[in-house]
Amino acid sequence: MPDVLIAGAGPVGLWLAAELRLHGVVVTVMERRAAPDGRSRAVGMQAGTLDTFATRGLAQRFIERGTPVPTGHFGAATTRLDFSTVGAVHPFMLALGQSVTEQLLEEHAVAVGARVLRGEEIVSLTQGPDAGAVAIRAGGTHRTVQARWLVGCDGTRSEVRRAAGIDC
């Protein structure tokens, strides 16, 4: 039984899985998509995110795959913001598709010992005194997985948040 089951193999779920593993937590990520989505819903990474990745020695992997952008705009602003003034170690925004970010984060999570299972959709959950039980649909089969903790990183239509009564 994993200590933590994470619903969703997006950037947040994958980063959380890696961080938990680095602290000795047994973690499994369940992702309903059978394969990574090649489309990107986000195309930029901010300096603070890169600085966070640098704490784990990962920033350069992202920088090598992206394009540093020293200035940018915010909303409808007509003047450009100079990112060199933000006081970050990496004073730029990195133009990088979310699909590449997810690929690199999944590689990191797996390398530190997280399990990432694809084509596994959480359809319901129940909470017991010491663990939760999660019903999983994979292809045409159903099974139940138990974990001490369940984290919903599965997006705006989150089954985990809905089942927990959290507004999506």
N, C-alpha and C. Protein backbone atom coordinates (compact mmCIF):
# COMPACT_ATOMS: atom_id res chain seq x y z
N MET A 1 0.85 -1.19 0.00
CA MET A 1 0.00 0.00 0.00
C MET A 1 0.89 1.24 0.00
N PRO A 2 0.68 2.14 -0.97
CA PRO A 2 1.46 3.38 -0.95
C PRO A 2 1.04 4.26 0.22
N ASP A 3 1.98 5.05 0.71
CA ASP A 3 1.62 6.03 1.73
C ASP A 3 0.71 7.10 1.11
N VAL A 4 1.07 7.53 -0.11
CA VAL A 4 0.34 8.60 -0.79
C VAL A 4 0.02 8.17 -2.21
N LEU A 5 -1.21 8.38 -2.59
CA LEU A 5 -1.66 8.16 -3.96
C LEU A 5 -2.00 9.54 -4.52
N ILE A 6 -1.39 9.88 -5.65
CA ILE A 6 -1.61 11.18 -6.28
C ILE A 6 -2.42 10.96 -7.55
N ALA A 7 -3.52 11.65 -7.66
CA ALA A 7 -4.33 11.62 -8.87
C ALA A 7 -3.86 12.74 -9.78
N GLY A 8 -3.30 12.37 -10.94
CA GLY A 8 -2.89 13.37 -11.91
C GLY A 8 -1.39 13.46 -12.10
N ALA A 9 -0.95 13.23 -13.35
CA ALA A 9 0.47 13.29 -13.69
C ALA A 9 0.80 14.56 -14.46
N GLY A 10 0.24 15.68 -13.99
CA GLY A 10 0.63 16.98 -14.51
C GLY A 10 1.83 17.49 -13.72
N PRO A 11 2.25 18.71 -13.98
CA PRO A 11 3.43 19.23 -13.28
C PRO A 11 3.33 19.19 -11.75
N VAL A 12 2.18 19.54 -11.20
CA VAL A 12 2.05 19.57 -9.74
C VAL A 12 2.12 18.17 -9.16
N GLY A 13 1.37 17.23 -9.73
CA GLY A 13 1.38 15.87 -9.23
C GLY A 13 2.75 15.22 -9.33
N LEU A 14 3.44 15.43 -10.43
CA LEU A 14 4.76 14.83 -10.63
C LEU A 14 5.80 15.44 -9.69
N TRP A 15 5.76 16.76 -9.52
CA TRP A 15 6.71 17.41 -8.61
C TRP A 15 6.46 16.94 -7.17
N LEU A 16 5.19 16.88 -6.79
CA LEU A 16 4.85 16.42 -5.44
C LEU A 16 5.34 14.99 -5.23
N ALA A 17 5.14 14.12 -6.21
CA ALA A 17 5.59 12.73 -6.10
C ALA A 17 7.09 12.66 -5.87
N ALA A 18 7.85 13.43 -6.63
CA ALA A 18 9.30 13.42 -6.47
C ALA A 18 9.72 13.94 -5.10
N GLU A 19 9.12 15.02 -4.67
CA GLU A 19 9.47 15.59 -3.37
C GLU A 19 9.14 14.62 -2.24
N LEU A 20 7.99 13.97 -2.32
CA LEU A 20 7.64 13.00 -1.29
C LEU A 20 8.63 11.83 -1.26
N ARG A 21 9.01 11.34 -2.44
CA ARG A 21 9.97 10.23 -2.50
C ARG A 21 11.31 10.64 -1.90
N LEU A 22 11.74 11.87 -2.13
CA LEU A 22 13.01 12.33 -1.58
C LEU A 22 12.99 12.37 -0.05
N HIS A 23 11.78 12.30 0.52
CA HIS A 23 11.63 12.26 1.98
C HIS A 23 11.22 10.87 2.45
N GLY A 24 11.38 9.88 1.59
CA GLY A 24 11.14 8.50 1.98
C GLY A 24 9.70 8.02 1.94
N VAL A 25 8.81 8.81 1.38
CA VAL A 25 7.40 8.44 1.31
C VAL A 25 7.18 7.54 0.08
N VAL A 26 6.45 6.45 0.27
CA VAL A 26 6.09 5.57 -0.84
C VAL A 26 4.91 6.21 -1.55
N VAL A 27 5.09 6.51 -2.84
CA VAL A 27 4.09 7.29 -3.57
C VAL A 27 3.84 6.68 -4.95
N THR A 28 2.56 6.72 -5.33
CA THR A 28 2.15 6.28 -6.67
C THR A 28 1.32 7.40 -7.29
N VAL A 29 1.59 7.69 -8.56
CA VAL A 29 0.81 8.66 -9.32
C VAL A 29 -0.10 7.89 -10.26
N MET A 30 -1.39 8.20 -10.24
CA MET A 30 -2.37 7.59 -11.13
C MET A 30 -2.79 8.65 -12.15
N GLU A 31 -2.68 8.32 -13.42
CA GLU A 31 -3.04 9.26 -14.49
C GLU A 31 -4.04 8.59 -15.41
N ARG A 32 -5.18 9.25 -15.64
CA ARG A 32 -6.22 8.65 -16.48
C ARG A 32 -5.81 8.55 -17.95
N ARG A 33 -4.98 9.47 -18.43
CA ARG A 33 -4.51 9.39 -19.82
C ARG A 33 -3.54 8.22 -19.97
N ALA A 34 -3.72 7.43 -21.01
CA ALA A 34 -2.86 6.27 -21.22
C ALA A 34 -1.44 6.66 -21.64
N ALA A 35 -1.30 7.82 -22.24
CA ALA A 35 0.01 8.30 -22.70
C ALA A 35 0.08 9.80 -22.44
N PRO A 36 1.30 10.33 -22.33
CA PRO A 36 1.43 11.79 -22.14
C PRO A 36 0.75 12.54 -23.28
N ASP A 37 0.17 13.68 -22.95
CA ASP A 37 -0.49 14.53 -23.93
C ASP A 37 0.58 15.42 -24.57
N GLY A 38 0.75 15.33 -25.87
CA GLY A 38 1.76 16.12 -26.57
C GLY A 38 1.41 17.59 -26.69
N ARG A 39 0.15 17.93 -26.39
CA ARG A 39 -0.25 19.34 -26.46
C ARG A 39 0.16 20.05 -25.18
N SER A 40 0.38 21.33 -25.27
CA SER A 40 0.77 22.10 -24.10
C SER A 40 -0.29 23.13 -23.77
N ARG A 41 -0.74 23.10 -22.52
CA ARG A 41 -1.71 24.10 -22.07
C ARG A 41 -1.00 25.32 -21.50
N ALA A 42 0.27 25.17 -21.24
CA ALA A 42 1.08 26.29 -20.74
C ALA A 42 2.37 26.31 -21.53
N VAL A 43 2.90 27.49 -21.75
CA VAL A 43 4.11 27.59 -22.57
C VAL A 43 5.21 28.42 -21.90
N GLY A 44 5.09 28.65 -20.62
CA GLY A 44 6.11 29.45 -19.96
C GLY A 44 6.34 29.01 -18.53
N MET A 45 7.57 29.17 -18.08
CA MET A 45 7.94 28.84 -16.71
C MET A 45 8.59 30.08 -16.11
N GLN A 46 8.13 30.47 -14.95
CA GLN A 46 8.63 31.68 -14.32
C GLN A 46 9.94 31.43 -13.58
N ALA A 47 10.64 32.51 -13.30
CA ALA A 47 11.95 32.45 -12.64
C ALA A 47 11.89 31.70 -11.31
N GLY A 48 10.87 31.94 -10.54
CA GLY A 48 10.75 31.28 -9.24
C GLY A 48 10.64 29.77 -9.35
N THR A 49 9.97 29.30 -10.39
CA THR A 49 9.86 27.87 -10.61
C THR A 49 11.22 27.29 -10.95
N LEU A 50 11.94 27.96 -11.84
CA LEU A 50 13.29 27.50 -12.17
C LEU A 50 14.20 27.49 -10.94
N ASP A 51 14.08 28.51 -10.12
CA ASP A 51 14.89 28.56 -8.91
C ASP A 51 14.54 27.40 -7.96
N THR A 52 13.27 27.06 -7.90
CA THR A 52 12.86 25.90 -7.09
C THR A 52 13.45 24.62 -7.66
N PHE A 53 13.37 24.44 -8.98
CA PHE A 53 13.95 23.26 -9.60
C PHE A 53 15.46 23.20 -9.38
N ALA A 54 16.10 24.36 -9.30
CA ALA A 54 17.55 24.40 -9.06
C ALA A 54 17.91 23.82 -7.70
N THR A 55 17.00 23.91 -6.73
CA THR A 55 17.29 23.35 -5.41
C THR A 55 17.47 21.84 -5.47
N ARG A 56 16.98 21.22 -6.52
CA ARG A 56 17.12 19.78 -6.73
C ARG A 56 18.07 19.45 -7.88
N GLY A 57 18.78 20.47 -8.37
CA GLY A 57 19.74 20.26 -9.44
C GLY A 57 19.10 20.02 -10.80
N LEU A 58 17.88 20.50 -11.00
CA LEU A 58 17.13 20.20 -12.22
C LEU A 58 16.99 21.35 -13.20
N ALA A 59 17.29 22.56 -12.79
CA ALA A 59 16.99 23.73 -13.63
C ALA A 59 17.63 23.64 -15.01
N GLN A 60 18.86 23.18 -15.06
CA GLN A 60 19.56 23.15 -16.34
C GLN A 60 18.87 22.24 -17.36
N ARG A 61 18.27 21.16 -16.90
CA ARG A 61 17.53 20.27 -17.81
C ARG A 61 16.41 21.02 -18.54
N PHE A 62 15.74 21.88 -17.80
CA PHE A 62 14.64 22.65 -18.38
C PHE A 62 15.18 23.75 -19.29
N ILE A 63 16.22 24.43 -18.84
CA ILE A 63 16.80 25.52 -19.62
C ILE A 63 17.30 25.00 -20.97
N GLU A 64 17.91 23.81 -20.97
CA GLU A 64 18.41 23.23 -22.22
C GLU A 64 17.30 22.92 -23.22
N ARG A 65 16.09 22.71 -22.74
CA ARG A 65 14.98 22.38 -23.62
C ARG A 65 14.10 23.58 -23.96
N GLY A 66 14.32 24.70 -23.30
CA GLY A 66 13.48 25.88 -23.52
C GLY A 66 14.28 27.05 -24.06
N THR A 67 13.61 28.20 -24.08
CA THR A 67 14.23 29.43 -24.56
C THR A 67 14.07 30.51 -23.49
N PRO A 68 15.17 31.00 -22.92
CA PRO A 68 15.06 32.08 -21.93
C PRO A 68 14.53 33.36 -22.59
N VAL A 69 13.60 34.00 -21.91
CA VAL A 69 13.00 35.24 -22.40
C VAL A 69 13.21 36.29 -21.31
N PRO A 70 14.05 37.32 -21.57
CA PRO A 70 14.43 38.27 -20.52
C PRO A 70 13.35 39.29 -20.15
N THR A 71 12.39 39.51 -21.02
CA THR A 71 11.32 40.48 -20.72
C THR A 71 9.99 39.88 -21.14
N GLY A 72 8.93 40.44 -20.60
CA GLY A 72 7.59 39.97 -20.97
C GLY A 72 6.55 40.99 -20.58
N HIS A 73 5.31 40.66 -20.81
CA HIS A 73 4.22 41.57 -20.44
C HIS A 73 3.30 40.87 -19.47
N PHE A 74 2.51 41.66 -18.80
CA PHE A 74 1.55 41.13 -17.85
C PHE A 74 0.17 41.61 -18.28
N GLY A 75 -0.71 40.67 -18.56
CA GLY A 75 -2.07 41.03 -18.95
C GLY A 75 -2.08 41.95 -20.15
N ALA A 76 -2.78 43.05 -20.02
CA ALA A 76 -2.92 43.99 -21.13
C ALA A 76 -1.90 45.13 -21.05
N ALA A 77 -0.89 44.99 -20.18
CA ALA A 77 0.11 46.05 -20.04
C ALA A 77 0.82 46.28 -21.38
N THR A 78 1.09 47.53 -21.66
CA THR A 78 1.75 47.87 -22.93
C THR A 78 3.27 47.95 -22.79
N THR A 79 3.74 48.07 -21.57
CA THR A 79 5.20 48.09 -21.36
C THR A 79 5.66 46.69 -20.97
N ARG A 80 6.90 46.39 -21.32
CA ARG A 80 7.45 45.07 -21.01
C ARG A 80 8.08 45.09 -19.62
N LEU A 81 7.98 43.97 -18.94
CA LEU A 81 8.60 43.81 -17.63
C LEU A 81 10.01 43.24 -17.82
N ASP A 82 10.95 43.79 -17.10
CA ASP A 82 12.33 43.33 -17.15
C ASP A 82 12.52 42.31 -16.03
N PHE A 83 12.63 41.03 -16.40
CA PHE A 83 12.73 39.96 -15.40
C PHE A 83 14.06 39.97 -14.65
N SER A 84 15.05 40.71 -15.13
CA SER A 84 16.34 40.75 -14.43
C SER A 84 16.23 41.47 -13.09
N THR A 85 15.12 42.15 -12.85
CA THR A 85 14.95 42.91 -11.60
C THR A 85 14.22 42.12 -10.52
N VAL A 86 13.85 40.88 -10.78
CA VAL A 86 13.06 40.13 -9.80
C VAL A 86 13.89 39.49 -8.70
N GLY A 87 15.21 39.56 -8.81
CA GLY A 87 16.06 39.02 -7.75
C GLY A 87 16.14 37.50 -7.75
N ALA A 88 15.91 36.88 -8.88
CA ALA A 88 15.96 35.43 -8.98
C ALA A 88 17.33 34.97 -9.47
N VAL A 89 17.66 33.74 -9.17
CA VAL A 89 18.89 33.14 -9.68
C VAL A 89 18.80 33.01 -11.20
N HIS A 90 17.62 32.72 -11.69
CA HIS A 90 17.36 32.60 -13.12
C HIS A 90 16.43 33.76 -13.50
N PRO A 91 16.98 34.93 -13.83
CA PRO A 91 16.17 36.14 -14.02
C PRO A 91 15.53 36.24 -15.41
N PHE A 92 14.74 35.25 -15.75
CA PHE A 92 14.05 35.24 -17.04
C PHE A 92 12.87 34.29 -16.96
N MET A 93 11.96 34.47 -17.89
CA MET A 93 10.90 33.49 -18.07
C MET A 93 11.45 32.48 -19.07
N LEU A 94 11.09 31.22 -18.91
CA LEU A 94 11.55 30.19 -19.84
C LEU A 94 10.38 29.77 -20.72
N ALA A 95 10.51 30.00 -22.02
CA ALA A 95 9.49 29.53 -22.96
C ALA A 95 9.70 28.03 -23.13
N LEU A 96 8.75 27.26 -22.66
CA LEU A 96 8.86 25.80 -22.66
C LEU A 96 7.46 25.22 -22.57
N GLY A 97 7.12 24.34 -23.47
CA GLY A 97 5.79 23.74 -23.47
C GLY A 97 5.57 22.85 -22.25
N GLN A 98 4.32 22.81 -21.79
CA GLN A 98 3.97 22.00 -20.64
C GLN A 98 4.26 20.52 -20.88
N SER A 99 4.13 20.07 -22.11
CA SER A 99 4.39 18.65 -22.39
C SER A 99 5.86 18.30 -22.10
N VAL A 100 6.77 19.22 -22.39
CA VAL A 100 8.19 18.99 -22.09
C VAL A 100 8.41 19.04 -20.58
N THR A 101 7.78 20.00 -19.93
CA THR A 101 7.88 20.10 -18.47
C THR A 101 7.43 18.80 -17.83
N GLU A 102 6.29 18.27 -18.28
CA GLU A 102 5.77 17.02 -17.71
C GLU A 102 6.72 15.86 -17.98
N GLN A 103 7.29 15.81 -19.16
CA GLN A 103 8.23 14.73 -19.49
C GLN A 103 9.42 14.76 -18.54
N LEU A 104 10.00 15.94 -18.35
CA LEU A 104 11.17 16.06 -17.49
C LEU A 104 10.83 15.78 -16.03
N LEU A 105 9.68 16.24 -15.58
CA LEU A 105 9.28 15.98 -14.20
C LEU A 105 8.96 14.50 -13.98
N GLU A 106 8.36 13.85 -14.97
CA GLU A 106 8.09 12.42 -14.82
C GLU A 106 9.40 11.62 -14.76
N GLU A 107 10.35 11.97 -15.62
CA GLU A 107 11.66 11.31 -15.58
C GLU A 107 12.30 11.46 -14.19
N HIS A 108 12.21 12.66 -13.64
CA HIS A 108 12.78 12.92 -12.31
C HIS A 108 12.05 12.11 -11.24
N ALA A 109 10.71 12.14 -11.27
CA ALA A 109 9.93 11.42 -10.25
C ALA A 109 10.23 9.92 -10.28
N VAL A 110 10.28 9.35 -11.46
CA VAL A 110 10.57 7.92 -11.60
C VAL A 110 12.00 7.63 -11.15
N ALA A 111 12.93 8.51 -11.48
CA ALA A 111 14.34 8.30 -11.10
C ALA A 111 14.53 8.26 -9.59
N VAL A 112 13.69 9.00 -8.85
CA VAL A 112 13.82 8.99 -7.39
C VAL A 112 12.92 7.96 -6.73
N GLY A 113 12.20 7.16 -7.55
CA GLY A 113 11.46 6.03 -7.01
C GLY A 113 9.95 6.11 -6.99
N ALA A 114 9.37 7.13 -7.57
CA ALA A 114 7.90 7.20 -7.63
C ALA A 114 7.39 6.26 -8.73
N ARG A 115 6.23 5.70 -8.51
CA ARG A 115 5.55 4.91 -9.55
C ARG A 115 4.58 5.83 -10.26
N VAL A 116 4.57 5.78 -11.58
CA VAL A 116 3.61 6.54 -12.38
C VAL A 116 2.85 5.53 -13.21
N LEU A 117 1.55 5.41 -12.96
CA LEU A 117 0.70 4.47 -13.67
C LEU A 117 -0.25 5.24 -14.57
N ARG A 118 -0.21 4.94 -15.86
CA ARG A 118 -1.05 5.62 -16.85
C ARG A 118 -2.21 4.74 -17.25
N GLY A 119 -3.28 5.39 -17.72
CA GLY A 119 -4.48 4.67 -18.09
C GLY A 119 -5.24 4.17 -16.87
N GLU A 120 -5.05 4.86 -15.75
CA GLU A 120 -5.65 4.49 -14.46
C GLU A 120 -6.51 5.65 -13.99
N GLU A 121 -7.80 5.48 -14.04
CA GLU A 121 -8.71 6.57 -13.69
C GLU A 121 -9.38 6.32 -12.35
N ILE A 122 -9.29 7.28 -11.46
CA ILE A 122 -9.97 7.19 -10.17
C ILE A 122 -11.44 7.51 -10.40
N VAL A 123 -12.31 6.59 -10.00
CA VAL A 123 -13.74 6.79 -10.22
C VAL A 123 -14.51 7.05 -8.93
N SER A 124 -13.97 6.64 -7.80
CA SER A 124 -14.60 6.95 -6.52
C SER A 124 -13.61 6.71 -5.39
N LEU A 125 -13.96 7.21 -4.23
CA LEU A 125 -13.11 6.98 -3.07
C LEU A 125 -13.95 6.92 -1.82
N THR A 126 -13.43 6.19 -0.84
CA THR A 126 -14.04 6.14 0.49
C THR A 126 -12.92 6.31 1.50
N GLN A 127 -13.26 6.91 2.61
CA GLN A 127 -12.24 7.17 3.63
C GLN A 127 -12.51 6.32 4.85
N GLY A 128 -11.47 5.63 5.31
CA GLY A 128 -11.54 4.86 6.54
C GLY A 128 -10.76 5.57 7.63
N PRO A 129 -10.65 4.95 8.80
CA PRO A 129 -9.95 5.60 9.91
C PRO A 129 -8.45 5.78 9.69
N ASP A 130 -7.81 4.86 8.97
CA ASP A 130 -6.35 4.93 8.79
C ASP A 130 -5.92 4.99 7.34
N ALA A 131 -6.84 4.82 6.41
CA ALA A 131 -6.50 4.80 4.98
C ALA A 131 -7.76 5.08 4.18
N GLY A 132 -7.53 5.40 2.93
CA GLY A 132 -8.63 5.58 2.00
C GLY A 132 -8.61 4.46 0.98
N ALA A 133 -9.76 4.15 0.44
CA ALA A 133 -9.86 3.16 -0.62
C ALA A 133 -10.31 3.88 -1.88
N VAL A 134 -9.58 3.65 -2.96
CA VAL A 134 -9.83 4.33 -4.22
C VAL A 134 -10.22 3.29 -5.26
N ALA A 135 -11.36 3.50 -5.90
CA ALA A 135 -11.77 2.61 -6.99
C ALA A 135 -11.13 3.12 -8.27
N ILE A 136 -10.45 2.22 -8.97
CA ILE A 136 -9.70 2.56 -10.18
C ILE A 136 -10.31 1.82 -11.37
N ARG A 137 -10.48 2.55 -12.47
CA ARG A 137 -10.89 1.94 -13.73
C ARG A 137 -9.68 1.99 -14.66
N ALA A 138 -9.29 0.84 -15.16
CA ALA A 138 -8.17 0.75 -16.09
C ALA A 138 -8.62 -0.14 -17.24
N GLY A 139 -8.83 0.47 -18.41
CA GLY A 139 -9.40 -0.29 -19.52
C GLY A 139 -10.80 -0.72 -19.15
N GLY A 140 -11.09 -1.99 -19.26
CA GLY A 140 -12.42 -2.49 -18.90
C GLY A 140 -12.49 -3.10 -17.53
N THR A 141 -11.44 -2.95 -16.73
CA THR A 141 -11.43 -3.58 -15.40
C THR A 141 -11.50 -2.53 -14.31
N HIS A 142 -11.94 -2.99 -13.14
CA HIS A 142 -11.98 -2.14 -11.95
C HIS A 142 -11.20 -2.84 -10.84
N ARG A 143 -10.56 -2.04 -10.00
CA ARG A 143 -9.90 -2.59 -8.82
C ARG A 143 -9.89 -1.51 -7.75
N THR A 144 -9.55 -1.91 -6.55
CA THR A 144 -9.48 -0.98 -5.44
C THR A 144 -8.04 -0.90 -4.94
N VAL A 145 -7.60 0.32 -4.68
CA VAL A 145 -6.25 0.56 -4.15
C VAL A 145 -6.42 1.33 -2.85
N GLN A 146 -5.64 0.96 -1.86
CA GLN A 146 -5.67 1.69 -0.59
C GLN A 146 -4.41 2.52 -0.45
N ALA A 147 -4.55 3.64 0.22
CA ALA A 147 -3.41 4.52 0.53
C ALA A 147 -3.74 5.29 1.79
N ARG A 148 -2.70 5.67 2.51
CA ARG A 148 -2.92 6.46 3.73
C ARG A 148 -3.43 7.85 3.39
N TRP A 149 -2.96 8.40 2.26
CA TRP A 149 -3.34 9.75 1.85
C TRP A 149 -3.63 9.73 0.36
N LEU A 150 -4.56 10.58 -0.05
CA LEU A 150 -4.87 10.77 -1.47
C LEU A 150 -4.81 12.26 -1.75
N VAL A 151 -4.09 12.61 -2.82
CA VAL A 151 -3.95 14.01 -3.20
C VAL A 151 -4.53 14.20 -4.60
N GLY A 152 -5.44 15.14 -4.75
CA GLY A 152 -6.06 15.43 -6.04
C GLY A 152 -5.28 16.49 -6.81
N CYS A 153 -4.52 16.05 -7.79
CA CYS A 153 -3.81 16.96 -8.70
C CYS A 153 -4.31 16.68 -10.11
N ASP A 154 -5.59 16.40 -10.21
CA ASP A 154 -6.17 15.91 -11.45
C ASP A 154 -7.04 16.93 -12.17
N GLY A 155 -6.75 18.19 -11.97
CA GLY A 155 -7.36 19.22 -12.79
C GLY A 155 -8.69 19.76 -12.32
N THR A 156 -9.27 20.59 -13.17
CA THR A 156 -10.48 21.33 -12.80
C THR A 156 -11.71 20.44 -12.69
N ARG A 157 -11.72 19.31 -13.34
CA ARG A 157 -12.85 18.38 -13.22
C ARG A 157 -12.44 17.20 -12.35
N SER A 158 -11.77 17.49 -11.26
CA SER A 158 -11.16 16.51 -10.38
C SER A 158 -12.20 15.61 -9.73
N GLU A 159 -12.08 14.32 -9.96
CA GLU A 159 -12.94 13.36 -9.28
C GLU A 159 -12.60 13.32 -7.79
N VAL A 160 -11.35 13.47 -7.46
CA VAL A 160 -10.91 13.45 -6.07
C VAL A 160 -11.52 14.62 -5.30
N ARG A 161 -11.42 15.82 -5.85
CA ARG A 161 -12.00 16.97 -5.16
C ARG A 161 -13.51 16.88 -5.08
N ARG A 162 -14.15 16.39 -6.15
CA ARG A 162 -15.61 16.23 -6.13
C ARG A 162 -16.02 15.25 -5.04
N ALA A 163 -15.35 14.12 -4.98
CA ALA A 163 -15.69 13.10 -3.98
C ALA A 163 -15.43 13.60 -2.57
N ALA A 164 -14.45 14.47 -2.39
CA ALA A 164 -14.14 15.03 -1.09
C ALA A 164 -15.03 16.21 -0.72
N GLY A 165 -15.90 16.62 -1.65
CA GLY A 165 -16.79 17.74 -1.39
C GLY A 165 -16.15 19.10 -1.55
N ILE A 166 -15.05 19.17 -2.30
CA ILE A 166 -14.36 20.43 -2.52
C ILE A 166 -14.83 20.99 -3.86
N ASP A 167 -15.29 22.23 -3.87
CA ASP A 167 -15.74 22.85 -5.11
C ASP A 167 -14.63 22.88 -6.13
N CYS A 168 -14.97 22.53 -7.37
CA CYS A 168 -13.96 22.52 -8.43
C CYS A 168 -14.03 23.79 -9.20
